[in-house]
C-alpha atoms as a PDB file:
ATOM      1  CA  UNK A   1      -7.382  -7.334 -11.961  1.00  0.00           C
ATOM      2  CA  UNK A   2      -9.656 -10.085 -10.721  1.00  0.00           C
ATOM      3  CA  UNK A   3     -10.229 -11.252 -14.295  1.00  0.00           C
ATOM      4  CA  UNK A   4      -6.462 -11.388 -14.899  1.00  0.00           C
ATOM      5  CA  UNK A   5      -5.904 -13.501 -11.771  1.00  0.00           C
ATOM      6  CA  UNK A   6      -8.795 -15.778 -12.664  1.00  0.00           C
ATOM      7  CA  UNK A   7      -7.360 -16.186 -16.177  1.00  0.00           C
ATOM      8  CA  UNK A   8      -3.840 -16.938 -14.934  1.00  0.00           C
ATOM      9  CA  UNK A   9      -4.517 -19.011 -11.836  1.00  0.00           C
ATOM     10  CA  UNK A  10      -7.700 -20.886 -12.760  1.00  0.00           C
ATOM     11  CA  UNK A  11      -8.522 -20.973 -16.461  1.00  0.00           C
ATOM     12  CA  UNK A  12      -5.008 -21.592 -17.799  1.00  0.00           C
ATOM     13  CA  UNK A  13      -4.471 -24.300 -15.174  1.00  0.00           C
ATOM     14  CA  UNK A  14      -7.727 -26.077 -16.021  1.00  0.00           C
ATOM     15  CA  UNK A  15      -7.282 -25.812 -19.798  1.00  0.00           C
ATOM     16  CA  UNK A  16      -3.566 -26.169 -20.642  1.00  0.00           C
ATOM     17  CA  UNK A  17      -4.371 -26.123 -24.396  1.00  0.00           C
ATOM     18  CA  UNK A  18      -5.134 -22.420 -24.056  1.00  0.00           C
ATOM     19  CA  UNK A  19      -1.432 -21.785 -23.430  1.00  0.00           C
ATOM     20  CA  UNK A  20      -0.527 -22.772 -26.976  1.00  0.00           C
ATOM     21  CA  UNK A  21      -3.469 -20.780 -28.331  1.00  0.00           C
ATOM     22  CA  UNK A  22      -2.262 -17.688 -26.454  1.00  0.00           C
ATOM     23  CA  UNK A  23       1.275 -18.119 -27.784  1.00  0.00           C
ATOM     24  CA  UNK A  24       0.157 -18.456 -31.392  1.00  0.00           C
ATOM     25  CA  UNK A  25      -2.489 -15.733 -31.259  1.00  0.00           C
ATOM     26  CA  UNK A  26      -0.704 -12.940 -29.397  1.00  0.00           C
ATOM     27  CA  UNK A  27       2.877 -13.518 -30.529  1.00  0.00           C
ATOM     28  CA  UNK A  28       5.200 -11.038 -28.786  1.00  0.00           C
ATOM     29  CA  UNK A  29       2.479 -10.091 -26.262  1.00  0.00           C
ATOM     30  CA  UNK A  30       1.929 -13.719 -25.206  1.00  0.00           C
ATOM     31  CA  UNK A  31       3.734 -13.335 -21.831  1.00  0.00           C
ATOM     32  CA  UNK A  32       1.108 -10.755 -20.816  1.00  0.00           C
ATOM     33  CA  UNK A  33      -1.685 -13.241 -21.455  1.00  0.00           C
ATOM     34  CA  UNK A  34       0.174 -16.305 -20.188  1.00  0.00           C
ATOM     35  CA  UNK A  35       1.527 -15.240 -16.767  1.00  0.00           C
ATOM     36  CA  UNK A  36       3.403 -17.565 -14.463  1.00  0.00           C
ATOM     37  CA  UNK A  37       1.255 -18.705 -11.504  1.00  0.00           C
ATOM     38  CA  UNK A  38       4.231 -18.074  -9.201  1.00  0.00           C
ATOM     39  CA  UNK A  39       4.379 -14.467 -10.383  1.00  0.00           C
ATOM     40  CA  UNK A  40       0.663 -14.004  -9.759  1.00  0.00           C
ATOM     41  CA  UNK A  41       1.065 -15.217  -6.170  1.00  0.00           C
ATOM     42  CA  UNK A  42       4.227 -13.220  -5.470  1.00  0.00           C
ATOM     43  CA  UNK A  43       3.004  -9.932  -6.925  1.00  0.00           C
ATOM     44  CA  UNK A  44       0.378  -9.035  -4.261  1.00  0.00           C
ATOM     45  CA  UNK A  45       2.774 -10.069  -1.487  1.00  0.00           C
ATOM     46  CA  UNK A  46       5.472  -7.793  -2.899  1.00  0.00           C
ATOM     47  CA  UNK A  47       3.018  -4.914  -3.335  1.00  0.00           C
ATOM     48  CA  UNK A  48       1.795  -5.358   0.254  1.00  0.00           C
ATOM     49  CA  UNK A  49       5.350  -5.160   1.609  1.00  0.00           C
ATOM     50  CA  UNK A  50       6.042  -2.056  -0.484  1.00  0.00           C
ATOM     51  CA  UNK A  51       2.824  -0.447   0.789  1.00  0.00           C
ATOM     52  CA  UNK A  52       3.792  -1.111   4.414  1.00  0.00           C
ATOM     53  CA  UNK A  53       7.253   0.382   3.803  1.00  0.00           C
ATOM     54  CA  UNK A  54       5.753   3.494   2.190  1.00  0.00           C
ATOM     55  CA  UNK A  55       3.439   3.989   5.168  1.00  0.00           C
ATOM     56  CA  UNK A  56       6.396   3.562   7.546  1.00  0.00           C
ATOM     57  CA  UNK A  57       8.414   6.128   5.577  1.00  0.00           C
ATOM     58  CA  UNK A  58       5.479   8.547   5.647  1.00  0.00           C
ATOM     59  CA  UNK A  59       5.115   8.203   9.429  1.00  0.00           C
ATOM     60  CA  UNK A  60       8.876   8.678   9.870  1.00  0.00           C
ATOM     61  CA  UNK A  61       8.915  11.762   7.662  1.00  0.00           C
ATOM     62  CA  UNK A  62       5.979  13.230   9.569  1.00  0.00           C
ATOM     63  CA  UNK A  63       7.710  12.618  12.894  1.00  0.00           C
ATOM     64  CA  UNK A  64      10.939  14.140  11.567  1.00  0.00           C
ATOM     65  CA  UNK A  65       9.400  17.320  10.161  1.00  0.00           C
ATOM     66  CA  UNK A  66       6.858  18.035  12.915  1.00  0.00           C
ATOM     67  CA  UNK A  67       8.113  20.709  15.330  1.00  0.00           C
ATOM     68  CA  UNK A  68       8.436  19.818  18.979  1.00  0.00           C
ATOM     69  CA  UNK A  69       5.583  20.896  21.262  1.00  0.00           C
ATOM     70  CA  UNK A  70       6.038  23.741  23.724  1.00  0.00           C
ATOM     71  CA  UNK A  71       7.242  22.650  27.154  1.00  0.00           C
ATOM     72  CA  UNK A  72       4.614  22.439  29.882  1.00  0.00           C
ATOM     73  CA  UNK A  73       6.571  24.914  32.022  1.00  0.00           C
ATOM     74  CA  UNK A  74       5.417  27.775  29.801  1.00  0.00           C
ATOM     75  CA  UNK A  75       1.733  27.135  30.457  1.00  0.00           C
ATOM     76  CA  UNK A  76      -0.139  28.779  33.324  1.00  0.00           C
ATOM     77  CA  UNK A  77      -2.027  26.144  35.312  1.00  0.00           C
ATOM     78  CA  UNK A  78      -3.288  28.361  38.136  1.00  0.00           C
ATOM     79  CA  UNK A  79      -7.075  28.189  37.886  1.00  0.00           C
ATOM     80  CA  UNK A  80      -7.742  31.382  39.857  1.00  0.00           C
ATOM     81  CA  UNK A  81      -5.574  33.515  37.592  1.00  0.00           C
ATOM     82  CA  UNK A  82      -7.121  31.993  34.504  1.00  0.00           C
ATOM     83  CA  UNK A  83     -10.609  32.735  35.874  1.00  0.00           C
ATOM     84  CA  UNK A  84      -9.643  36.367  36.592  1.00  0.00           C
ATOM     85  CA  UNK A  85      -8.218  36.793  33.113  1.00  0.00           C
ATOM     86  CA  UNK A  86     -11.418  35.365  31.652  1.00  0.00           C
ATOM     87  CA  UNK A  87     -13.550  37.852  33.624  1.00  0.00           C
ATOM     88  CA  UNK A  88     -11.504  40.826  32.423  1.00  0.00           C
END
């Protein structure tokens, strides 16, 4: 991936003659080897936003499907009774 970004954002910008070489050499596959610099900048931003949305959906799904905890009224907080039960 780093090589592709270096090719598109650095090498093709420094040597514009390579663009014509890519078009003549690769024919129908030339757009893969001659990417738009705007696309190469927008792609990681788009993927980052999608990743954040997927994480948010995962957290929401987990919150939705997790059962509610038992109410605190059901627990016995009397220390003496708990100690007696532990001794028995």
